[in-house]
Amino acid sequence: MKIEEHSHKDDTKKTNESPIMKSLAFYIVSLFLSIIIIMISITILVTVVLLGYKLILYYLYLIFAIISINIAIMAISLRGIMHIYTMFISHAGNEKIILVSRPESRENVDKPLGKEILTTKFFSQTELDIIDLLMKNHNAMLQSAIVASSGISKASASRAIASLENKGVVSKRRKGVTNEIILPETYFK
């Protein structure tokens, strides 16, 4: 029995590791390594010049190449860190919503800390139809396909999608002349 509990704890640790956090750690480590390599290269260059040794042009080019490559790596790392930072800032205010179709089943749903559980009474029938359609189509569809397959008018679908987007349930991404509507899988159980 204890072996099963222990393995279950290990599984939860593995699922809690976020690929975003791994990316952030990678960018930070690469940034610091680049800074260290640049500092070492400059130190070697200055030491050689101050000691009065003649520097072969080949070695000078090599040191400048090392420095410029590491400056590029630093720039890429800083860009990656800023991208992850903006993702955290933009998602900080979004609250996850758990949609429960039957009010009596609310006891079976684990409520995330600080999050609200919404039932179907918080959505119009059109919104529920769009959510259902998205769930049946792997959580993403073009807005034009939603209109075509649901029988909802273009204006009603547009209003319902805007309402769902304001509630933080779906997100829109531009795809040519239409939008792709995305329903994050983590929002629904």
N, C-alpha and C. Protein backbone atom coordinates (compact mmCIF):
# COMPACT_ATOMS: atom_id res chain seq x y z
N MET A 1 0.82 -1.20 0.00
CA MET A 1 0.00 0.00 0.00
C MET A 1 0.86 1.26 0.00
N LYS A 2 1.92 1.28 0.78
CA LYS A 2 2.79 2.46 0.82
C LYS A 2 3.51 2.67 -0.50
N ILE A 3 3.81 1.58 -1.20
CA ILE A 3 4.48 1.71 -2.49
C ILE A 3 3.58 2.43 -3.48
N GLU A 4 2.29 2.11 -3.48
CA GLU A 4 1.35 2.76 -4.39
C GLU A 4 1.23 4.25 -4.06
N GLU A 5 1.15 4.58 -2.77
CA GLU A 5 1.05 5.99 -2.39
C GLU A 5 2.30 6.74 -2.82
N HIS A 6 3.46 6.12 -2.64
CA HIS A 6 4.71 6.78 -3.00
C HIS A 6 4.78 7.02 -4.51
N SER A 7 4.39 6.02 -5.28
CA SER A 7 4.43 6.19 -6.73
C SER A 7 3.43 7.24 -7.18
N HIS A 8 2.29 7.33 -6.49
CA HIS A 8 1.31 8.36 -6.83
C HIS A 8 1.89 9.75 -6.57
N LYS A 9 2.62 9.92 -5.48
CA LYS A 9 3.24 11.20 -5.18
C LYS A 9 4.27 11.55 -6.24
N ASP A 10 5.04 10.57 -6.71
CA ASP A 10 6.01 10.83 -7.76
C ASP A 10 5.34 11.27 -9.04
N ASP A 11 4.18 10.66 -9.36
CA ASP A 11 3.44 11.04 -10.56
C ASP A 11 2.96 12.47 -10.49
N THR A 12 2.50 12.91 -9.31
CA THR A 12 2.03 14.28 -9.19
C THR A 12 3.18 15.26 -9.33
N LYS A 13 4.36 14.90 -8.86
CA LYS A 13 5.51 15.78 -9.02
C LYS A 13 5.86 15.93 -10.49
N LYS A 14 5.79 14.84 -11.25
CA LYS A 14 6.13 14.90 -12.66
C LYS A 14 5.12 15.73 -13.44
N THR A 15 3.84 15.64 -13.11
CA THR A 15 2.84 16.40 -13.84
C THR A 15 2.86 17.87 -13.48
N ASN A 16 3.41 18.23 -12.32
CA ASN A 16 3.46 19.63 -11.91
C ASN A 16 4.58 20.40 -12.60
N GLU A 17 5.56 19.70 -13.20
CA GLU A 17 6.64 20.37 -13.89
C GLU A 17 6.10 21.01 -15.16
N SER A 18 6.29 22.28 -15.28
CA SER A 18 5.73 23.02 -16.41
C SER A 18 6.78 23.20 -17.50
N PRO A 19 6.41 22.99 -18.76
CA PRO A 19 7.36 23.25 -19.83
C PRO A 19 7.75 24.72 -19.91
N ILE A 20 6.86 25.61 -19.46
CA ILE A 20 7.19 27.03 -19.46
C ILE A 20 8.30 27.30 -18.45
N MET A 21 8.22 26.65 -17.29
CA MET A 21 9.26 26.85 -16.28
C MET A 21 10.60 26.27 -16.75
N LYS A 22 10.54 25.16 -17.47
CA LYS A 22 11.77 24.58 -18.03
C LYS A 22 12.38 25.53 -19.05
N SER A 23 11.54 26.14 -19.88
CA SER A 23 12.03 27.10 -20.87
C SER A 23 12.64 28.31 -20.18
N LEU A 24 11.97 28.79 -19.13
CA LEU A 24 12.49 29.93 -18.39
C LEU A 24 13.85 29.61 -17.78
N ALA A 25 13.98 28.43 -17.19
CA ALA A 25 15.25 28.02 -16.60
C ALA A 25 16.33 27.93 -17.68
N PHE A 26 15.98 27.39 -18.84
CA PHE A 26 16.95 27.29 -19.94
C PHE A 26 17.44 28.66 -20.37
N TYR A 27 16.50 29.61 -20.55
CA TYR A 27 16.89 30.96 -20.97
C TYR A 27 17.76 31.64 -19.92
N ILE A 28 17.43 31.48 -18.66
CA ILE A 28 18.23 32.12 -17.60
C ILE A 28 19.63 31.53 -17.55
N VAL A 29 19.73 30.20 -17.62
CA VAL A 29 21.05 29.55 -17.59
C VAL A 29 21.88 29.97 -18.80
N SER A 30 21.26 29.99 -20.00
CA SER A 30 22.02 30.38 -21.19
C SER A 30 22.45 31.85 -21.11
N LEU A 31 21.62 32.70 -20.51
CA LEU A 31 21.99 34.10 -20.34
C LEU A 31 23.22 34.23 -19.43
N PHE A 32 23.20 33.56 -18.30
CA PHE A 32 24.33 33.65 -17.37
C PHE A 32 25.60 33.02 -17.94
N LEU A 33 25.48 31.91 -18.65
CA LEU A 33 26.66 31.31 -19.26
C LEU A 33 27.25 32.22 -20.33
N SER A 34 26.41 32.87 -21.10
CA SER A 34 26.90 33.81 -22.12
C SER A 34 27.63 34.98 -21.47
N ILE A 35 27.08 35.49 -20.39
CA ILE A 35 27.74 36.60 -19.68
C ILE A 35 29.10 36.16 -19.16
N ILE A 36 29.17 34.97 -18.60
CA ILE A 36 30.44 34.46 -18.06
C ILE A 36 31.45 34.28 -19.18
N ILE A 37 31.04 33.71 -20.30
CA ILE A 37 31.96 33.49 -21.43
C ILE A 37 32.46 34.83 -21.98
N ILE A 38 31.59 35.82 -22.09
CA ILE A 38 32.01 37.14 -22.56
C ILE A 38 33.01 37.75 -21.60
N MET A 39 32.73 37.64 -20.30
CA MET A 39 33.66 38.21 -19.31
C MET A 39 35.02 37.52 -19.37
N ILE A 40 35.04 36.21 -19.52
CA ILE A 40 36.31 35.48 -19.62
C ILE A 40 37.06 35.89 -20.89
N SER A 41 36.35 36.02 -22.01
CA SER A 41 36.99 36.40 -23.28
C SER A 41 37.59 37.80 -23.19
N ILE A 42 36.84 38.72 -22.62
CA ILE A 42 37.36 40.09 -22.48
C ILE A 42 38.55 40.11 -21.51
N THR A 43 38.46 39.34 -20.43
CA THR A 43 39.58 39.27 -19.48
C THR A 43 40.84 38.74 -20.14
N ILE A 44 40.71 37.70 -20.94
CA ILE A 44 41.88 37.15 -21.65
C ILE A 44 42.43 38.18 -22.62
N LEU A 45 41.59 38.86 -23.36
CA LEU A 45 42.03 39.88 -24.31
C LEU A 45 42.76 41.01 -23.61
N VAL A 46 42.18 41.53 -22.53
CA VAL A 46 42.81 42.63 -21.81
C VAL A 46 44.13 42.18 -21.17
N THR A 47 44.16 40.98 -20.62
CA THR A 47 45.38 40.47 -19.99
C THR A 47 46.50 40.34 -21.00
N VAL A 48 46.20 39.80 -22.15
CA VAL A 48 47.22 39.64 -23.19
C VAL A 48 47.74 40.99 -23.65
N VAL A 49 46.85 41.95 -23.84
CA VAL A 49 47.27 43.28 -24.29
C VAL A 49 48.07 43.99 -23.20
N LEU A 50 47.64 43.90 -21.93
CA LEU A 50 48.36 44.58 -20.84
C LEU A 50 49.73 43.95 -20.57
N LEU A 51 49.88 42.67 -20.79
CA LEU A 51 51.17 42.04 -20.59
C LEU A 51 52.14 42.30 -21.73
N GLY A 52 51.65 42.93 -22.78
CA GLY A 52 52.52 43.34 -23.87
C GLY A 52 52.77 42.25 -24.90
N TYR A 53 52.04 41.19 -24.83
CA TYR A 53 52.23 40.15 -25.83
C TYR A 53 51.57 40.58 -27.13
N LYS A 54 52.20 40.18 -28.21
CA LYS A 54 51.60 40.46 -29.51
C LYS A 54 50.53 39.40 -29.76
N LEU A 55 49.39 39.86 -30.19
CA LEU A 55 48.26 38.97 -30.42
C LEU A 55 48.18 38.68 -31.91
N ILE A 56 48.19 37.41 -32.24
CA ILE A 56 48.05 37.01 -33.63
C ILE A 56 46.64 37.38 -34.07
N LEU A 57 46.54 37.88 -35.29
CA LEU A 57 45.26 38.36 -35.80
C LEU A 57 44.20 37.27 -35.77
N TYR A 58 44.60 36.03 -36.00
CA TYR A 58 43.68 34.90 -35.97
C TYR A 58 43.02 34.78 -34.59
N TYR A 59 43.82 34.90 -33.52
CA TYR A 59 43.27 34.80 -32.17
C TYR A 59 42.37 35.99 -31.82
N LEU A 60 42.73 37.15 -32.35
CA LEU A 60 41.90 38.31 -32.13
C LEU A 60 40.52 38.12 -32.76
N TYR A 61 40.51 37.63 -33.99
CA TYR A 61 39.23 37.33 -34.66
C TYR A 61 38.45 36.27 -33.90
N LEU A 62 39.14 35.29 -33.39
CA LEU A 62 38.47 34.22 -32.64
C LEU A 62 37.80 34.77 -31.37
N ILE A 63 38.50 35.62 -30.65
CA ILE A 63 37.93 36.20 -29.43
C ILE A 63 36.73 37.08 -29.77
N PHE A 64 36.84 37.90 -30.81
CA PHE A 64 35.70 38.74 -31.20
C PHE A 64 34.52 37.90 -31.68
N ALA A 65 34.79 36.78 -32.35
CA ALA A 65 33.71 35.89 -32.78
C ALA A 65 33.01 35.28 -31.57
N ILE A 66 33.79 34.85 -30.58
CA ILE A 66 33.21 34.28 -29.37
C ILE A 66 32.35 35.32 -28.65
N ILE A 67 32.87 36.53 -28.55
CA ILE A 67 32.12 37.59 -27.88
C ILE A 67 30.83 37.91 -28.64
N SER A 68 30.91 38.05 -29.97
CA SER A 68 29.71 38.41 -30.73
C SER A 68 28.68 37.29 -30.73
N ILE A 69 29.11 36.03 -30.79
CA ILE A 69 28.16 34.91 -30.73
C ILE A 69 27.46 34.90 -29.37
N ASN A 70 28.19 35.14 -28.31
CA ASN A 70 27.58 35.13 -26.98
C ASN A 70 26.70 36.35 -26.75
N ILE A 71 26.98 37.46 -27.40
CA ILE A 71 26.07 38.60 -27.33
C ILE A 71 24.76 38.24 -28.02
N ALA A 72 24.83 37.53 -29.14
CA ALA A 72 23.61 37.08 -29.83
C ALA A 72 22.83 36.11 -28.96
N ILE A 73 23.53 35.19 -28.30
CA ILE A 73 22.86 34.25 -27.40
C ILE A 73 22.19 34.99 -26.24
N MET A 74 22.88 36.03 -25.72
CA MET A 74 22.28 36.84 -24.65
C MET A 74 21.00 37.52 -25.13
N ALA A 75 21.03 38.06 -26.34
CA ALA A 75 19.85 38.73 -26.88
C ALA A 75 18.69 37.75 -27.04
N ILE A 76 18.97 36.57 -27.54
CA ILE A 76 17.92 35.55 -27.71
C ILE A 76 17.38 35.14 -26.34
N SER A 77 18.26 34.96 -25.38
CA SER A 77 17.83 34.57 -24.03
C SER A 77 16.97 35.65 -23.40
N LEU A 78 17.38 36.90 -23.53
CA LEU A 78 16.58 38.00 -22.98
C LEU A 78 15.22 38.09 -23.67
N ARG A 79 15.20 37.87 -24.97
CA ARG A 79 13.92 37.88 -25.69
C ARG A 79 13.01 36.76 -25.20
N GLY A 80 13.58 35.57 -24.98
CA GLY A 80 12.79 34.45 -24.47
C GLY A 80 12.26 34.72 -23.07
N ILE A 81 13.09 35.29 -22.21
CA ILE A 81 12.66 35.62 -20.85
C ILE A 81 11.54 36.66 -20.88
N MET A 82 11.68 37.66 -21.73
CA MET A 82 10.64 38.69 -21.83
C MET A 82 9.34 38.11 -22.38
N HIS A 83 9.44 37.18 -23.33
CA HIS A 83 8.25 36.54 -23.87
C HIS A 83 7.51 35.76 -22.79
N ILE A 84 8.25 34.99 -22.00
CA ILE A 84 7.64 34.22 -20.92
C ILE A 84 7.05 35.17 -19.88
N TYR A 85 7.75 36.26 -19.58
CA TYR A 85 7.25 37.24 -18.61
C TYR A 85 5.93 37.84 -19.09
N THR A 86 5.85 38.22 -20.37
CA THR A 86 4.60 38.79 -20.88
C THR A 86 3.48 37.76 -20.89
N MET A 87 3.80 36.49 -21.09
CA MET A 87 2.77 35.46 -21.01
C MET A 87 2.22 35.38 -19.59
N PHE A 88 3.10 35.42 -18.59
CA PHE A 88 2.64 35.38 -17.21
C PHE A 88 1.80 36.60 -16.87
N ILE A 89 2.21 37.77 -17.32
CA ILE A 89 1.47 39.00 -17.04
C ILE A 89 0.10 38.97 -17.71
N SER A 90 0.04 38.51 -18.97
CA SER A 90 -1.24 38.53 -19.68
C SER A 90 -2.21 37.49 -19.14
N HIS A 91 -1.70 36.39 -18.56
CA HIS A 91 -2.58 35.36 -18.03
C HIS A 91 -2.81 35.49 -16.53
N ALA A 92 -2.21 36.50 -15.91
CA ALA A 92 -2.32 36.63 -14.46
C ALA A 92 -3.74 36.93 -14.01
N GLY A 93 -4.48 37.72 -14.78
CA GLY A 93 -5.83 38.08 -14.38
C GLY A 93 -6.89 37.09 -14.79
N ASN A 94 -6.55 36.15 -15.66
CA ASN A 94 -7.54 35.19 -16.14
C ASN A 94 -7.83 34.15 -15.07
N GLU A 95 -9.09 33.92 -14.86
CA GLU A 95 -9.49 32.90 -13.91
C GLU A 95 -9.99 31.69 -14.67
N LYS A 96 -9.60 30.53 -14.23
CA LYS A 96 -10.07 29.31 -14.87
C LYS A 96 -11.49 29.03 -14.43
N ILE A 97 -12.26 28.50 -15.35
CA ILE A 97 -13.66 28.22 -15.08
C ILE A 97 -13.88 26.73 -15.28
N ILE A 98 -14.58 26.14 -14.36
CA ILE A 98 -14.93 24.73 -14.49
C ILE A 98 -16.43 24.69 -14.75
N LEU A 99 -16.80 24.14 -15.87
CA LEU A 99 -18.20 24.07 -16.24
C LEU A 99 -18.75 22.73 -15.78
N VAL A 100 -19.81 22.78 -15.00
CA VAL A 100 -20.44 21.57 -14.49
C VAL A 100 -21.85 21.55 -15.04
N SER A 101 -22.20 20.47 -15.74
CA SER A 101 -23.50 20.45 -16.39
C SER A 101 -24.64 20.16 -15.43
N ARG A 102 -24.41 19.43 -14.34
CA ARG A 102 -25.46 19.14 -13.36
C ARG A 102 -25.06 19.74 -12.02
N PRO A 103 -25.92 20.58 -11.42
CA PRO A 103 -25.57 21.20 -10.14
C PRO A 103 -25.29 20.18 -9.05
N GLU A 104 -25.93 19.01 -9.08
CA GLU A 104 -25.71 18.03 -8.03
C GLU A 104 -24.31 17.40 -8.11
N SER A 105 -23.64 17.54 -9.25
CA SER A 105 -22.31 16.95 -9.38
C SER A 105 -21.21 17.90 -8.93
N ARG A 106 -21.57 19.04 -8.38
CA ARG A 106 -20.57 20.02 -7.92
C ARG A 106 -19.70 19.46 -6.81
N GLU A 107 -20.24 18.53 -6.02
CA GLU A 107 -19.45 17.97 -4.93
C GLU A 107 -18.31 17.10 -5.46
N ASN A 108 -18.45 16.57 -6.66
CA ASN A 108 -17.44 15.69 -7.23
C ASN A 108 -16.29 16.43 -7.88
N VAL A 109 -16.41 17.73 -8.04
CA VAL A 109 -15.39 18.51 -8.72
C VAL A 109 -14.50 19.16 -7.67
N ASP A 110 -13.19 18.98 -7.83
CA ASP A 110 -12.24 19.64 -6.93
C ASP A 110 -12.12 21.09 -7.35
N LYS A 111 -12.42 21.98 -6.44
CA LYS A 111 -12.37 23.40 -6.74
C LYS A 111 -10.93 23.89 -6.60
N PRO A 112 -10.36 24.48 -7.67
CA PRO A 112 -9.02 25.04 -7.55
C PRO A 112 -9.02 26.20 -6.57
N LEU A 113 -7.91 26.40 -5.88
CA LEU A 113 -7.83 27.49 -4.91
C LEU A 113 -8.00 28.84 -5.60
N GLY A 114 -8.87 29.66 -5.06
CA GLY A 114 -9.07 30.99 -5.60
C GLY A 114 -9.83 31.03 -6.90
N LYS A 115 -10.41 29.96 -7.33
CA LYS A 115 -11.14 29.93 -8.59
C LYS A 115 -12.61 29.67 -8.32
N GLU A 116 -13.43 30.14 -9.24
CA GLU A 116 -14.87 30.00 -9.08
C GLU A 116 -15.37 28.90 -9.98
N ILE A 117 -16.29 28.09 -9.47
CA ILE A 117 -16.91 27.06 -10.28
C ILE A 117 -18.20 27.63 -10.84
N LEU A 118 -18.30 27.67 -12.15
CA LEU A 118 -19.49 28.19 -12.81
C LEU A 118 -20.31 27.04 -13.35
N THR A 119 -21.61 27.14 -13.23
CA THR A 119 -22.48 26.12 -13.80
C THR A 119 -23.07 26.66 -15.09
N THR A 120 -23.91 25.86 -15.71
CA THR A 120 -24.48 26.26 -16.99
C THR A 120 -25.39 27.48 -16.88
N LYS A 121 -25.82 27.84 -15.69
CA LYS A 121 -26.70 29.01 -15.55
C LYS A 121 -25.97 30.32 -15.86
N PHE A 122 -24.63 30.30 -15.92
CA PHE A 122 -23.86 31.49 -16.23
C PHE A 122 -23.69 31.71 -17.73
N PHE A 123 -24.24 30.80 -18.55
CA PHE A 123 -24.07 30.88 -19.99
C PHE A 123 -25.43 30.84 -20.68
N SER A 124 -25.54 31.54 -21.80
CA SER A 124 -26.75 31.46 -22.61
C SER A 124 -26.74 30.13 -23.37
N GLN A 125 -27.88 29.78 -23.93
CA GLN A 125 -27.97 28.51 -24.66
C GLN A 125 -27.06 28.55 -25.89
N THR A 126 -26.95 29.70 -26.53
CA THR A 126 -26.06 29.84 -27.70
C THR A 126 -24.61 29.61 -27.29
N GLU A 127 -24.22 30.18 -26.15
CA GLU A 127 -22.85 29.98 -25.66
C GLU A 127 -22.60 28.52 -25.34
N LEU A 128 -23.57 27.86 -24.71
CA LEU A 128 -23.42 26.44 -24.40
C LEU A 128 -23.32 25.60 -25.66
N ASP A 129 -24.08 25.96 -26.70
CA ASP A 129 -24.01 25.24 -27.97
C ASP A 129 -22.62 25.39 -28.59
N ILE A 130 -22.07 26.60 -28.52
CA ILE A 130 -20.73 26.84 -29.08
C ILE A 130 -19.68 26.07 -28.28
N ILE A 131 -19.79 26.07 -26.96
CA ILE A 131 -18.84 25.31 -26.12
C ILE A 131 -18.93 23.83 -26.46
N ASP A 132 -20.15 23.31 -26.59
CA ASP A 132 -20.34 21.90 -26.91
C ASP A 132 -19.73 21.58 -28.27
N LEU A 133 -19.94 22.45 -29.25
CA LEU A 133 -19.40 22.25 -30.59
C LEU A 133 -17.87 22.26 -30.57
N LEU A 134 -17.30 23.17 -29.81
CA LEU A 134 -15.84 23.23 -29.70
C LEU A 134 -15.28 21.97 -29.05
N MET A 135 -15.95 21.50 -27.99
CA MET A 135 -15.48 20.30 -27.30
C MET A 135 -15.54 19.08 -28.22
N LYS A 136 -16.52 19.04 -29.10
CA LYS A 136 -16.63 17.91 -30.04
C LYS A 136 -15.61 17.98 -31.16
N ASN A 137 -15.04 19.16 -31.37
CA ASN A 137 -14.07 19.36 -32.47
C ASN A 137 -12.67 19.67 -31.94
N HIS A 138 -12.25 18.96 -30.94
CA HIS A 138 -10.89 19.05 -30.40
C HIS A 138 -10.54 20.45 -29.89
N ASN A 139 -11.54 21.15 -29.35
CA ASN A 139 -11.36 22.44 -28.67
C ASN A 139 -10.89 23.59 -29.55
N ALA A 140 -11.04 23.46 -30.87
CA ALA A 140 -10.69 24.58 -31.75
C ALA A 140 -11.47 24.46 -33.06
N MET A 141 -12.02 25.58 -33.50
CA MET A 141 -12.76 25.63 -34.77
C MET A 141 -12.66 27.04 -35.34
N LEU A 142 -12.81 27.13 -36.65
CA LEU A 142 -12.92 28.43 -37.27
C LEU A 142 -14.31 29.00 -36.97
N GLN A 143 -14.38 30.31 -36.81
CA GLN A 143 -15.66 30.94 -36.49
C GLN A 143 -16.67 30.70 -37.62
N SER A 144 -16.21 30.71 -38.84
CA SER A 144 -17.11 30.45 -39.97
C SER A 144 -17.65 29.02 -39.92
N ALA A 145 -16.84 28.07 -39.47
CA ALA A 145 -17.30 26.68 -39.35
C ALA A 145 -18.31 26.54 -38.21
N ILE A 146 -18.14 27.31 -37.15
CA ILE A 146 -19.11 27.29 -36.05
C ILE A 146 -20.47 27.78 -36.56
N VAL A 147 -20.46 28.87 -37.33
CA VAL A 147 -21.70 29.41 -37.88
C VAL A 147 -22.35 28.39 -38.81
N ALA A 148 -21.54 27.77 -39.67
CA ALA A 148 -22.08 26.83 -40.65
C ALA A 148 -22.65 25.57 -40.00
N SER A 149 -21.97 25.05 -38.99
CA SER A 149 -22.40 23.76 -38.42
C SER A 149 -23.41 23.90 -37.29
N SER A 150 -23.56 25.08 -36.72
CA SER A 150 -24.47 25.22 -35.58
C SER A 150 -25.85 25.73 -35.97
N GLY A 151 -25.95 26.38 -37.13
CA GLY A 151 -27.23 26.94 -37.52
C GLY A 151 -27.52 28.27 -36.85
N ILE A 152 -26.57 28.79 -36.12
CA ILE A 152 -26.71 30.09 -35.45
C ILE A 152 -26.36 31.17 -36.47
N SER A 153 -27.05 32.29 -36.40
CA SER A 153 -26.73 33.38 -37.33
C SER A 153 -25.32 33.90 -37.04
N LYS A 154 -24.75 34.52 -38.06
CA LYS A 154 -23.38 35.04 -37.94
C LYS A 154 -23.29 36.07 -36.82
N ALA A 155 -24.29 36.94 -36.72
CA ALA A 155 -24.29 37.99 -35.69
C ALA A 155 -24.43 37.39 -34.29
N SER A 156 -25.33 36.41 -34.14
CA SER A 156 -25.53 35.77 -32.82
C SER A 156 -24.28 35.02 -32.40
N ALA A 157 -23.66 34.33 -33.35
CA ALA A 157 -22.43 33.59 -33.03
C ALA A 157 -21.32 34.55 -32.64
N SER A 158 -21.21 35.66 -33.34
CA SER A 158 -20.19 36.66 -33.04
C SER A 158 -20.39 37.24 -31.64
N ARG A 159 -21.66 37.55 -31.27
CA ARG A 159 -21.94 38.07 -29.93
C ARG A 159 -21.64 37.02 -28.86
N ALA A 160 -22.04 35.78 -29.11
CA ALA A 160 -21.82 34.72 -28.12
C ALA A 160 -20.33 34.45 -27.94
N ILE A 161 -19.57 34.46 -29.02
CA ILE A 161 -18.12 34.23 -28.92
C ILE A 161 -17.46 35.39 -28.19
N ALA A 162 -17.90 36.62 -28.46
CA ALA A 162 -17.35 37.78 -27.75
C ALA A 162 -17.67 37.68 -26.26
N SER A 163 -18.87 37.23 -25.93
CA SER A 163 -19.24 37.06 -24.52
C SER A 163 -18.38 35.98 -23.85
N LEU A 164 -18.19 34.86 -24.56
CA LEU A 164 -17.34 33.78 -24.02
C LEU A 164 -15.90 34.24 -23.85
N GLU A 165 -15.45 35.07 -24.79
CA GLU A 165 -14.08 35.60 -24.69
C GLU A 165 -13.96 36.55 -23.50
N ASN A 166 -14.97 37.38 -23.26
CA ASN A 166 -14.97 38.29 -22.11
C ASN A 166 -15.01 37.53 -20.79
N LYS A 167 -15.67 36.37 -20.79
CA LYS A 167 -15.74 35.55 -19.58
C LYS A 167 -14.45 34.74 -19.38
N GLY A 168 -13.56 34.78 -20.36
CA GLY A 168 -12.29 34.07 -20.25
C GLY A 168 -12.40 32.59 -20.58
N VAL A 169 -13.46 32.20 -21.27
CA VAL A 169 -13.67 30.78 -21.56
C VAL A 169 -13.00 30.38 -22.87
N VAL A 170 -13.04 31.25 -23.88
CA VAL A 170 -12.42 30.96 -25.17
C VAL A 170 -11.45 32.08 -25.52
N SER A 171 -10.60 31.80 -26.49
CA SER A 171 -9.73 32.84 -27.02
C SER A 171 -9.83 32.82 -28.54
N LYS A 172 -9.58 33.96 -29.16
CA LYS A 172 -9.67 34.11 -30.61
C LYS A 172 -8.29 34.32 -31.18
N ARG A 173 -8.06 33.68 -32.34
CA ARG A 173 -6.81 33.89 -33.07
C ARG A 173 -7.17 34.11 -34.54
N ARG A 174 -6.61 35.13 -35.12
CA ARG A 174 -6.91 35.48 -36.51
C ARG A 174 -6.38 34.40 -37.44
N LYS A 175 -7.21 33.92 -38.35
CA LYS A 175 -6.84 32.93 -39.37
C LYS A 175 -7.39 33.40 -40.71
N GLY A 176 -6.61 34.11 -41.46
CA GLY A 176 -7.07 34.59 -42.76
C GLY A 176 -8.18 35.60 -42.61
N VAL A 177 -9.35 35.30 -43.23
CA VAL A 177 -10.49 36.22 -43.17
C VAL A 177 -11.44 35.88 -42.03
N THR A 178 -11.14 34.85 -41.27
CA THR A 178 -11.99 34.45 -40.15
C THR A 178 -11.14 34.31 -38.89
N ASN A 179 -11.75 33.93 -37.81
CA ASN A 179 -11.04 33.72 -36.54
C ASN A 179 -11.08 32.25 -36.18
N GLU A 180 -10.02 31.80 -35.52
CA GLU A 180 -10.03 30.47 -34.93
C GLU A 180 -10.42 30.64 -33.47
N ILE A 181 -11.44 29.91 -33.04
CA ILE A 181 -11.91 29.99 -31.66
C ILE A 181 -11.33 28.79 -30.93
N ILE A 182 -10.65 29.07 -29.82
CA ILE A 182 -9.94 28.03 -29.08
C ILE A 182 -10.54 27.93 -27.69
N LEU A 183 -10.84 26.71 -27.29
CA LEU A 183 -11.38 26.43 -25.96
C LEU A 183 -10.29 25.68 -25.20
N PRO A 184 -9.61 26.34 -24.25
CA PRO A 184 -8.55 25.65 -23.51
C PRO A 184 -9.11 24.44 -22.78
N GLU A 185 -8.42 23.33 -22.92
CA GLU A 185 -8.91 22.07 -22.36
C GLU A 185 -8.97 22.11 -20.85
N THR A 186 -8.10 22.87 -20.22
CA THR A 186 -8.05 22.90 -18.76
C THR A 186 -9.24 23.59 -18.13
N TYR A 187 -10.06 24.31 -18.92
CA TYR A 187 -11.17 25.04 -18.34
C TYR A 187 -12.37 24.15 -18.02
N PHE A 188 -12.43 22.99 -18.62
CA PHE A 188 -13.65 22.20 -18.49
C PHE A 188 -13.36 20.80 -18.00
N LYS A 189 -14.26 20.29 -17.14
CA LYS A 189 -14.19 18.92 -16.65
C LYS A 189 -15.51 18.26 -16.90
